[in-house]
């Protein structure tokens, strides 16, 4: 039974937990009672419907099984979003990071400052339309304000997968730390 402020819509699609953390599974999104089950990082499953209640969105994955949707993305974009998880990034400019993507624009939300040049690790990714949001220890940051640092041993396949998506506001890429790395990227035929 939906609460008076709840909204529900069918989804029926594959989703992935694009996070480094396991997600709790609740029996009920209105009075969250934990189940003994969790959704592992990068685990894929079917979402039956999405429910938004009291400002929080939950996705239903089975009868009496709901997970918070903050780090869930639907296929096929979830595979692309996973490329950013657990990667080192550098802030391109000073930026306010919020407790969740919806709060970054909100004046009353608590924010942390992510200073220009600071290095962060992405712990989760959420796609909102064309926006890509990355969770760090400081909070959520739009990916377009970050720069990814790639290493040569993973570059060819990673860049190919990264470049398959051009419709999102993606993070910038840093091709190596030295001139030698940049030469190696060119020798391998890699570009951004």
C-alpha atoms as a PDB file:
ATOM      1  CA  UNK A   1       0.000   0.000   0.000  1.00  0.00           C
ATOM      2  CA  UNK A   2       1.417   3.382  -1.030  1.00  0.00           C
ATOM      3  CA  UNK A   3       1.692   6.180   1.507  1.00  0.00           C
ATOM      4  CA  UNK A   4      -0.077   9.447   0.687  1.00  0.00           C
ATOM      5  CA  UNK A   5       3.075  11.104  -0.723  1.00  0.00           C
ATOM      6  CA  UNK A   6       4.441   8.063  -2.602  1.00  0.00           C
ATOM      7  CA  UNK A   7       4.760   7.813  -6.371  1.00  0.00           C
ATOM      8  CA  UNK A   8       5.250   4.546  -8.222  1.00  0.00           C
ATOM      9  CA  UNK A   9       5.985   3.622 -11.826  1.00  0.00           C
ATOM     10  CA  UNK A  10       6.835   0.329 -13.575  1.00  0.00           C
ATOM     11  CA  UNK A  11      10.419  -0.223 -14.747  1.00  0.00           C
ATOM     12  CA  UNK A  12      10.978  -3.890 -15.749  1.00  0.00           C
ATOM     13  CA  UNK A  13      14.646  -3.476 -16.709  1.00  0.00           C
ATOM     14  CA  UNK A  14      18.109  -4.684 -15.734  1.00  0.00           C
ATOM     15  CA  UNK A  15      19.991  -2.499 -13.258  1.00  0.00           C
ATOM     16  CA  UNK A  16      23.446  -2.562 -11.683  1.00  0.00           C
ATOM     17  CA  UNK A  17      24.717  -1.360  -8.321  1.00  0.00           C
ATOM     18  CA  UNK A  18      27.396   1.052  -9.601  1.00  0.00           C
ATOM     19  CA  UNK A  19      29.090   1.371  -6.221  1.00  0.00           C
ATOM     20  CA  UNK A  20      31.962  -0.006  -4.157  1.00  0.00           C
ATOM     21  CA  UNK A  21      29.489  -0.723  -1.332  1.00  0.00           C
ATOM     22  CA  UNK A  22      26.826  -3.404  -0.940  1.00  0.00           C
ATOM     23  CA  UNK A  23      23.248  -2.100  -0.824  1.00  0.00           C
ATOM     24  CA  UNK A  24      20.785  -3.080   1.895  1.00  0.00           C
ATOM     25  CA  UNK A  25      17.533  -4.760   0.875  1.00  0.00           C
ATOM     26  CA  UNK A  26      14.357  -3.686   2.672  1.00  0.00           C
ATOM     27  CA  UNK A  27      11.033  -5.480   2.997  1.00  0.00           C
ATOM     28  CA  UNK A  28       9.099  -2.238   2.696  1.00  0.00           C
ATOM     29  CA  UNK A  29      10.172   1.213   1.439  1.00  0.00           C
ATOM     30  CA  UNK A  30       7.745   3.075   3.722  1.00  0.00           C
ATOM     31  CA  UNK A  31       8.898   1.602   7.023  1.00  0.00           C
ATOM     32  CA  UNK A  32      12.286   0.185   6.047  1.00  0.00           C
ATOM     33  CA  UNK A  33      12.837  -3.188   7.716  1.00  0.00           C
ATOM     34  CA  UNK A  34      16.104  -4.770   6.639  1.00  0.00           C
ATOM     35  CA  UNK A  35      16.217  -8.208   5.077  1.00  0.00           C
ATOM     36  CA  UNK A  36      19.244 -10.465   5.520  1.00  0.00           C
ATOM     37  CA  UNK A  37      20.046 -10.017   1.821  1.00  0.00           C
ATOM     38  CA  UNK A  38      22.272  -7.354   0.224  1.00  0.00           C
ATOM     39  CA  UNK A  39      23.082  -6.331  -3.345  1.00  0.00           C
ATOM     40  CA  UNK A  40      26.831  -6.624  -3.979  1.00  0.00           C
ATOM     41  CA  UNK A  41      28.890  -3.941  -5.758  1.00  0.00           C
ATOM     42  CA  UNK A  42      28.523  -4.254  -9.558  1.00  0.00           C
ATOM     43  CA  UNK A  43      25.725  -6.836  -9.127  1.00  0.00           C
ATOM     44  CA  UNK A  44      23.101  -6.861 -11.897  1.00  0.00           C
ATOM     45  CA  UNK A  45      19.440  -7.680 -11.260  1.00  0.00           C
ATOM     46  CA  UNK A  46      15.945  -6.909 -12.577  1.00  0.00           C
ATOM     47  CA  UNK A  47      14.048  -3.891 -11.276  1.00  0.00           C
ATOM     48  CA  UNK A  48      10.278  -4.367 -11.364  1.00  0.00           C
ATOM     49  CA  UNK A  49       9.210  -0.850 -10.368  1.00  0.00           C
ATOM     50  CA  UNK A  50      10.445   2.344  -8.793  1.00  0.00           C
ATOM     51  CA  UNK A  51       8.829   3.978  -5.768  1.00  0.00           C
ATOM     52  CA  UNK A  52       9.554   7.470  -4.437  1.00  0.00           C
ATOM     53  CA  UNK A  53       8.418   8.130  -0.893  1.00  0.00           C
ATOM     54  CA  UNK A  54       9.404  10.893   1.540  1.00  0.00           C
ATOM     55  CA  UNK A  55      12.080  12.166  -0.893  1.00  0.00           C
ATOM     56  CA  UNK A  56      13.827   8.788  -1.272  1.00  0.00           C
ATOM     57  CA  UNK A  57      13.633   6.492  -4.319  1.00  0.00           C
ATOM     58  CA  UNK A  58      13.611   2.700  -3.911  1.00  0.00           C
ATOM     59  CA  UNK A  59      13.612   0.105  -6.669  1.00  0.00           C
ATOM     60  CA  UNK A  60      11.631  -3.084  -6.181  1.00  0.00           C
ATOM     61  CA  UNK A  61      13.684  -6.162  -7.114  1.00  0.00           C
ATOM     62  CA  UNK A  62      11.315  -8.923  -5.881  1.00  0.00           C
ATOM     63  CA  UNK A  63       8.227  -9.391  -3.728  1.00  0.00           C
ATOM     64  CA  UNK A  64       8.883  -7.511  -0.479  1.00  0.00           C
ATOM     65  CA  UNK A  65      12.416  -6.596  -1.618  1.00  0.00           C
ATOM     66  CA  UNK A  66      13.393  -2.939  -2.192  1.00  0.00           C
ATOM     67  CA  UNK A  67      16.814  -1.276  -2.552  1.00  0.00           C
ATOM     68  CA  UNK A  68      17.745   2.424  -2.372  1.00  0.00           C
ATOM     69  CA  UNK A  69      18.173   3.678  -5.949  1.00  0.00           C
ATOM     70  CA  UNK A  70      20.951   6.257  -5.343  1.00  0.00           C
ATOM     71  CA  UNK A  71      23.679   4.076  -6.911  1.00  0.00           C
ATOM     72  CA  UNK A  72      21.555   2.037  -9.340  1.00  0.00           C
ATOM     73  CA  UNK A  73      21.691   2.577 -13.092  1.00  0.00           C
ATOM     74  CA  UNK A  74      19.707   0.803 -15.793  1.00  0.00           C
ATOM     75  CA  UNK A  75      21.204  -1.246 -18.617  1.00  0.00           C
ATOM     76  CA  UNK A  76      22.851  -0.614 -20.999  1.00  0.00           C
ATOM     77  CA  UNK A  77      24.296   2.565 -19.433  1.00  0.00           C
ATOM     78  CA  UNK A  78      25.056   0.828 -16.121  1.00  0.00           C
ATOM     79  CA  UNK A  79      28.005  -0.968 -17.747  1.00  0.00           C
ATOM     80  CA  UNK A  80      29.440   2.354 -18.866  1.00  0.00           C
ATOM     81  CA  UNK A  81      28.894   3.925 -15.428  1.00  0.00           C
ATOM     82  CA  UNK A  82      30.825   1.057 -13.806  1.00  0.00           C
ATOM     83  CA  UNK A  83      33.949   2.159 -15.731  1.00  0.00           C
ATOM     84  CA  UNK A  84      34.184   5.218 -13.452  1.00  0.00           C
ATOM     85  CA  UNK A  85      33.762   3.361 -10.139  1.00  0.00           C
ATOM     86  CA  UNK A  86      36.919   2.942  -8.047  1.00  0.00           C
ATOM     87  CA  UNK A  87      38.992   5.041 -10.491  1.00  0.00           C
ATOM     88  CA  UNK A  88      41.258   7.881  -9.324  1.00  0.00           C
ATOM     89  CA  UNK A  89      40.097  11.335 -10.444  1.00  0.00           C
ATOM     90  CA  UNK A  90      41.356  14.876  -9.962  1.00  0.00           C
ATOM     91  CA  UNK A  91      39.097  17.890  -9.419  1.00  0.00           C
ATOM     92  CA  UNK A  92      39.373  20.330 -12.361  1.00  0.00           C
ATOM     93  CA  UNK A  93      38.104  23.272 -10.339  1.00  0.00           C
ATOM     94  CA  UNK A  94      36.917  24.008  -6.825  1.00  0.00           C
ATOM     95  CA  UNK A  95      33.481  22.489  -6.470  1.00  0.00           C
ATOM     96  CA  UNK A  96      30.808  22.010  -3.829  1.00  0.00           C
ATOM     97  CA  UNK A  97      29.966  18.372  -3.190  1.00  0.00           C
ATOM     98  CA  UNK A  98      26.563  17.516  -1.723  1.00  0.00           C
ATOM     99  CA  UNK A  99      25.242  14.550   0.271  1.00  0.00           C
ATOM    100  CA  UNK A 100      23.336  13.334  -2.819  1.00  0.00           C
ATOM    101  CA  UNK A 101      22.940  14.571  -6.409  1.00  0.00           C
ATOM    102  CA  UNK A 102      19.618  16.294  -5.703  1.00  0.00           C
ATOM    103  CA  UNK A 103      21.118  18.328  -2.815  1.00  0.00           C
ATOM    104  CA  UNK A 104      24.048  19.875  -4.713  1.00  0.00           C
ATOM    105  CA  UNK A 105      21.786  22.593  -6.157  1.00  0.00           C
ATOM    106  CA  UNK A 106      19.872  23.037  -2.896  1.00  0.00           C
ATOM    107  CA  UNK A 107      20.962  26.064  -0.846  1.00  0.00           C
ATOM    108  CA  UNK A 108      19.955  24.475   2.474  1.00  0.00           C
ATOM    109  CA  UNK A 109      21.902  21.224   1.990  1.00  0.00           C
ATOM    110  CA  UNK A 110      25.255  20.722   3.705  1.00  0.00           C
ATOM    111  CA  UNK A 111      28.142  20.822   1.239  1.00  0.00           C
ATOM    112  CA  UNK A 112      31.828  19.927   1.295  1.00  0.00           C
ATOM    113  CA  UNK A 113      34.411  21.691  -0.854  1.00  0.00           C
ATOM    114  CA  UNK A 114      36.401  19.697  -3.371  1.00  0.00           C
ATOM    115  CA  UNK A 115      39.488  21.834  -4.088  1.00  0.00           C
ATOM    116  CA  UNK A 116      41.073  22.230  -7.521  1.00  0.00           C
ATOM    117  CA  UNK A 117      43.728  19.561  -8.065  1.00  0.00           C
ATOM    118  CA  UNK A 118      42.599  17.352  -5.182  1.00  0.00           C
ATOM    119  CA  UNK A 119      42.619  13.629  -5.953  1.00  0.00           C
ATOM    120  CA  UNK A 120      39.509  11.604  -5.174  1.00  0.00           C
ATOM    121  CA  UNK A 121      38.357   8.038  -5.728  1.00  0.00           C
ATOM    122  CA  UNK A 122      34.867   7.499  -7.101  1.00  0.00           C
ATOM    123  CA  UNK A 123      32.874   5.199  -4.817  1.00  0.00           C
ATOM    124  CA  UNK A 124      29.594   5.294  -6.773  1.00  0.00           C
ATOM    125  CA  UNK A 125      28.063   6.660  -9.972  1.00  0.00           C
ATOM    126  CA  UNK A 126      24.501   7.792 -10.712  1.00  0.00           C
ATOM    127  CA  UNK A 127      23.217   8.829 -14.131  1.00  0.00           C
ATOM    128  CA  UNK A 128      20.504  11.537 -14.239  1.00  0.00           C
ATOM    129  CA  UNK A 129      19.533  12.278 -17.836  1.00  0.00           C
ATOM    130  CA  UNK A 130      22.722  13.586 -19.474  1.00  0.00           C
ATOM    131  CA  UNK A 131      24.375  14.288 -16.124  1.00  0.00           C
ATOM    132  CA  UNK A 132      26.856  11.846 -14.595  1.00  0.00           C
ATOM    133  CA  UNK A 133      27.190  12.146 -10.813  1.00  0.00           C
ATOM    134  CA  UNK A 134      30.149  10.638  -8.946  1.00  0.00           C
ATOM    135  CA  UNK A 135      30.209   9.963  -5.226  1.00  0.00           C
ATOM    136  CA  UNK A 136      33.438  10.718  -3.345  1.00  0.00           C
ATOM    137  CA  UNK A 137      34.263  10.895   0.353  1.00  0.00           C
ATOM    138  CA  UNK A 138      33.386  14.609   0.109  1.00  0.00           C
ATOM    139  CA  UNK A 139      29.956  13.940  -1.430  1.00  0.00           C
ATOM    140  CA  UNK A 140      28.450  13.863  -4.922  1.00  0.00           C
ATOM    141  CA  UNK A 141      30.165  15.739  -7.767  1.00  0.00           C
ATOM    142  CA  UNK A 142      29.220  16.132 -11.425  1.00  0.00           C
ATOM    143  CA  UNK A 143      31.662  14.088 -13.511  1.00  0.00           C
ATOM    144  CA  UNK A 144      32.303  17.006 -15.858  1.00  0.00           C
ATOM    145  CA  UNK A 145      34.241  18.649 -12.997  1.00  0.00           C
ATOM    146  CA  UNK A 146      36.618  15.677 -12.693  1.00  0.00           C
ATOM    147  CA  UNK A 147      39.561  14.340 -14.672  1.00  0.00           C
ATOM    148  CA  UNK A 148      40.248  10.586 -14.851  1.00  0.00           C
ATOM    149  CA  UNK A 149      43.826   9.308 -14.628  1.00  0.00           C
ATOM    150  CA  UNK A 150      44.340   6.211 -16.766  1.00  0.00           C
ATOM    151  CA  UNK A 151      47.212   3.769 -16.644  1.00  0.00           C
ATOM    152  CA  UNK A 152      48.544   2.200 -19.822  1.00  0.00           C
ATOM    153  CA  UNK A 153      47.870  -1.402 -18.794  1.00  0.00           C
ATOM    154  CA  UNK A 154      44.118  -0.779 -18.856  1.00  0.00           C
ATOM    155  CA  UNK A 155      43.865   2.009 -21.396  1.00  0.00           C
ATOM    156  CA  UNK A 156      42.922   0.399 -24.736  1.00  0.00           C
ATOM    157  CA  UNK A 157      39.783  -1.512 -23.677  1.00  0.00           C
ATOM    158  CA  UNK A 158      38.784   1.129 -21.121  1.00  0.00           C
ATOM    159  CA  UNK A 159      39.022   3.977 -23.643  1.00  0.00           C
ATOM    160  CA  UNK A 160      37.095   2.012 -26.243  1.00  0.00           C
ATOM    161  CA  UNK A 161      34.252   1.404 -23.755  1.00  0.00           C
ATOM    162  CA  UNK A 162      34.404   4.976 -22.427  1.00  0.00           C
ATOM    163  CA  UNK A 163      34.199   6.460 -25.931  1.00  0.00           C
ATOM    164  CA  UNK A 164      31.116   4.406 -26.888  1.00  0.00           C
ATOM    165  CA  UNK A 165      28.990   6.892 -24.929  1.00  0.00           C
ATOM    166  CA  UNK A 166      29.011  10.447 -26.234  1.00  0.00           C
ATOM    167  CA  UNK A 167      25.618  11.712 -25.049  1.00  0.00           C
ATOM    168  CA  UNK A 168      26.588  12.195 -21.390  1.00  0.00           C
ATOM    169  CA  UNK A 169      28.553  14.950 -19.657  1.00  0.00           C
ATOM    170  CA  UNK A 170      31.608  12.770 -19.080  1.00  0.00           C
ATOM    171  CA  UNK A 171      34.704  13.444 -16.980  1.00  0.00           C
ATOM    172  CA  UNK A 172      37.833  14.670 -18.738  1.00  0.00           C
ATOM    173  CA  UNK A 173      40.653  12.215 -19.388  1.00  0.00           C
ATOM    174  CA  UNK A 174      44.281  12.517 -18.376  1.00  0.00           C
ATOM    175  CA  UNK A 175      46.449  10.451 -20.695  1.00  0.00           C
ATOM    176  CA  UNK A 176      49.345   9.533 -18.496  1.00  0.00           C
ATOM    177  CA  UNK A 177      51.540  11.265 -15.990  1.00  0.00           C
ATOM    178  CA  UNK A 178      54.623  11.858 -18.169  1.00  0.00           C
ATOM    179  CA  UNK A 179      55.570  12.647 -21.754  1.00  0.00           C
ATOM    180  CA  UNK A 180      56.614   9.011 -22.155  1.00  0.00           C
ATOM    181  CA  UNK A 181      53.093   7.821 -21.226  1.00  0.00           C
ATOM    182  CA  UNK A 182      51.583  10.226 -23.769  1.00  0.00           C
ATOM    183  CA  UNK A 183      53.940   8.859 -26.441  1.00  0.00           C
ATOM    184  CA  UNK A 184      52.897   5.312 -25.505  1.00  0.00           C
ATOM    185  CA  UNK A 185      49.218   6.241 -25.843  1.00  0.00           C
ATOM    186  CA  UNK A 186      49.923   7.599 -29.321  1.00  0.00           C
ATOM    187  CA  UNK A 187      51.923   4.489 -30.236  1.00  0.00           C
ATOM    188  CA  UNK A 188      49.029   2.269 -29.165  1.00  0.00           C
ATOM    189  CA  UNK A 189      46.632   4.283 -31.329  1.00  0.00           C
ATOM    190  CA  UNK A 190      44.653   5.486 -28.320  1.00  0.00           C
ATOM    191  CA  UNK A 191      42.837   8.784 -28.385  1.00  0.00           C
ATOM    192  CA  UNK A 192      40.030  10.507 -26.531  1.00  0.00           C
END
